[in-house]
């Protein structure tokens, strides 16, 4: 395991496809509460990814943070 304090582990919630479809509302609430995506699994392979609104907002924040870091690195090279 990486012990670098600047490193964050990205997580997802894995749920079998049939369980996801049967318990969609509970899965959505879990994704909202944890702010994590849900990997929908079929035959031990990811079939799709579901993002609740809060999980999607969290993803957008991470993407914007990465864009900001990239622009800083580009400016340092110039």
C-alpha atoms as a PDB file:
ATOM      1  CA  UNK A   1       0.000   0.000   0.000  1.00  0.00           C
ATOM      2  CA  UNK A   2       1.232   3.468  -0.853  1.00  0.00           C
ATOM      3  CA  UNK A   3       1.956   5.613   2.206  1.00  0.00           C
ATOM      4  CA  UNK A   4       2.318   8.933   0.395  1.00  0.00           C
ATOM      5  CA  UNK A   5       0.083  11.508   2.177  1.00  0.00           C
ATOM      6  CA  UNK A   6      -0.750  13.109  -1.203  1.00  0.00           C
ATOM      7  CA  UNK A   7      -2.180   9.862  -2.547  1.00  0.00           C
ATOM      8  CA  UNK A   8      -5.889   9.074  -2.250  1.00  0.00           C
ATOM      9  CA  UNK A   9      -7.418   5.677  -2.908  1.00  0.00           C
ATOM     10  CA  UNK A  10     -10.395   5.893  -5.246  1.00  0.00           C
ATOM     11  CA  UNK A  11     -13.189   3.551  -4.304  1.00  0.00           C
ATOM     12  CA  UNK A  12     -16.367   2.257  -5.851  1.00  0.00           C
ATOM     13  CA  UNK A  13     -19.223   0.166  -4.536  1.00  0.00           C
ATOM     14  CA  UNK A  14     -19.561  -3.141  -6.425  1.00  0.00           C
ATOM     15  CA  UNK A  15     -23.063  -4.592  -6.740  1.00  0.00           C
ATOM     16  CA  UNK A  16     -24.300  -7.488  -8.849  1.00  0.00           C
ATOM     17  CA  UNK A  17     -26.575  -6.380 -11.666  1.00  0.00           C
ATOM     18  CA  UNK A  18     -29.680  -8.227 -10.451  1.00  0.00           C
ATOM     19  CA  UNK A  19     -29.275  -6.849  -6.915  1.00  0.00           C
ATOM     20  CA  UNK A  20     -28.767  -3.338  -8.284  1.00  0.00           C
ATOM     21  CA  UNK A  21     -31.956  -3.546 -10.329  1.00  0.00           C
ATOM     22  CA  UNK A  22     -33.985  -5.005  -7.442  1.00  0.00           C
ATOM     23  CA  UNK A  23     -32.694  -2.512  -4.878  1.00  0.00           C
ATOM     24  CA  UNK A  24     -32.097   0.587  -7.001  1.00  0.00           C
ATOM     25  CA  UNK A  25     -33.433   3.081  -4.445  1.00  0.00           C
ATOM     26  CA  UNK A  26     -31.240   1.650  -1.668  1.00  0.00           C
ATOM     27  CA  UNK A  27     -28.225   1.598  -4.003  1.00  0.00           C
ATOM     28  CA  UNK A  28     -28.861   5.219  -4.983  1.00  0.00           C
ATOM     29  CA  UNK A  29     -29.069   6.253  -1.319  1.00  0.00           C
ATOM     30  CA  UNK A  30     -25.836   4.385  -0.562  1.00  0.00           C
ATOM     31  CA  UNK A  31     -24.099   6.169  -3.441  1.00  0.00           C
ATOM     32  CA  UNK A  32     -25.450   9.510  -2.175  1.00  0.00           C
ATOM     33  CA  UNK A  33     -24.335   8.868   1.413  1.00  0.00           C
ATOM     34  CA  UNK A  34     -20.845   7.636   0.505  1.00  0.00           C
ATOM     35  CA  UNK A  35     -20.429   9.955  -2.501  1.00  0.00           C
ATOM     36  CA  UNK A  36     -19.075   6.976  -4.421  1.00  0.00           C
ATOM     37  CA  UNK A  37     -19.945   5.459  -7.753  1.00  0.00           C
ATOM     38  CA  UNK A  38     -21.537   2.034  -8.010  1.00  0.00           C
ATOM     39  CA  UNK A  39     -19.965  -0.529 -10.334  1.00  0.00           C
ATOM     40  CA  UNK A  40     -22.697  -2.777 -11.663  1.00  0.00           C
ATOM     41  CA  UNK A  41     -21.187  -6.238 -12.051  1.00  0.00           C
ATOM     42  CA  UNK A  42     -22.210  -9.045 -14.421  1.00  0.00           C
ATOM     43  CA  UNK A  43     -20.247 -12.314 -14.473  1.00  0.00           C
ATOM     44  CA  UNK A  44     -17.460 -10.772 -12.333  1.00  0.00           C
ATOM     45  CA  UNK A  45     -16.921  -7.966 -14.850  1.00  0.00           C
ATOM     46  CA  UNK A  46     -18.027  -4.370 -14.627  1.00  0.00           C
ATOM     47  CA  UNK A  47     -21.063  -3.900 -16.870  1.00  0.00           C
ATOM     48  CA  UNK A  48     -21.640  -0.233 -16.072  1.00  0.00           C
ATOM     49  CA  UNK A  49     -21.195   2.543 -13.547  1.00  0.00           C
ATOM     50  CA  UNK A  50     -23.953   4.434 -11.758  1.00  0.00           C
ATOM     51  CA  UNK A  51     -23.343   7.847 -10.191  1.00  0.00           C
ATOM     52  CA  UNK A  52     -25.811   9.477  -7.827  1.00  0.00           C
ATOM     53  CA  UNK A  53     -25.994  13.271  -8.056  1.00  0.00           C
ATOM     54  CA  UNK A  54     -23.650  13.699  -5.065  1.00  0.00           C
ATOM     55  CA  UNK A  55     -21.201  11.084  -6.357  1.00  0.00           C
ATOM     56  CA  UNK A  56     -21.182  12.802  -9.756  1.00  0.00           C
ATOM     57  CA  UNK A  57     -20.561  16.200  -8.142  1.00  0.00           C
ATOM     58  CA  UNK A  58     -17.649  14.647  -6.233  1.00  0.00           C
ATOM     59  CA  UNK A  59     -16.249  13.266  -9.507  1.00  0.00           C
ATOM     60  CA  UNK A  60     -16.515  16.707 -11.129  1.00  0.00           C
ATOM     61  CA  UNK A  61     -14.645  18.261  -8.176  1.00  0.00           C
ATOM     62  CA  UNK A  62     -11.864  15.705  -8.606  1.00  0.00           C
ATOM     63  CA  UNK A  63     -11.671  16.363 -12.348  1.00  0.00           C
ATOM     64  CA  UNK A  64     -11.510  20.129 -11.793  1.00  0.00           C
ATOM     65  CA  UNK A  65      -8.792  19.601  -9.176  1.00  0.00           C
ATOM     66  CA  UNK A  66      -6.763  17.568 -11.662  1.00  0.00           C
ATOM     67  CA  UNK A  67      -7.239  20.222 -14.358  1.00  0.00           C
ATOM     68  CA  UNK A  68      -5.962  22.835 -11.908  1.00  0.00           C
ATOM     69  CA  UNK A  69      -2.904  20.728 -11.032  1.00  0.00           C
ATOM     70  CA  UNK A  70      -2.155  20.184 -14.735  1.00  0.00           C
ATOM     71  CA  UNK A  71      -2.333  23.930 -15.441  1.00  0.00           C
ATOM     72  CA  UNK A  72       0.049  24.591 -12.536  1.00  0.00           C
ATOM     73  CA  UNK A  73       2.514  22.040 -13.909  1.00  0.00           C
ATOM     74  CA  UNK A  74       2.252  23.510 -17.412  1.00  0.00           C
ATOM     75  CA  UNK A  75       2.935  26.997 -16.060  1.00  0.00           C
ATOM     76  CA  UNK A  76       5.994  25.747 -14.164  1.00  0.00           C
ATOM     77  CA  UNK A  77       7.446  24.330 -17.403  1.00  0.00           C
ATOM     78  CA  UNK A  78       7.183  27.710 -19.170  1.00  0.00           C
END
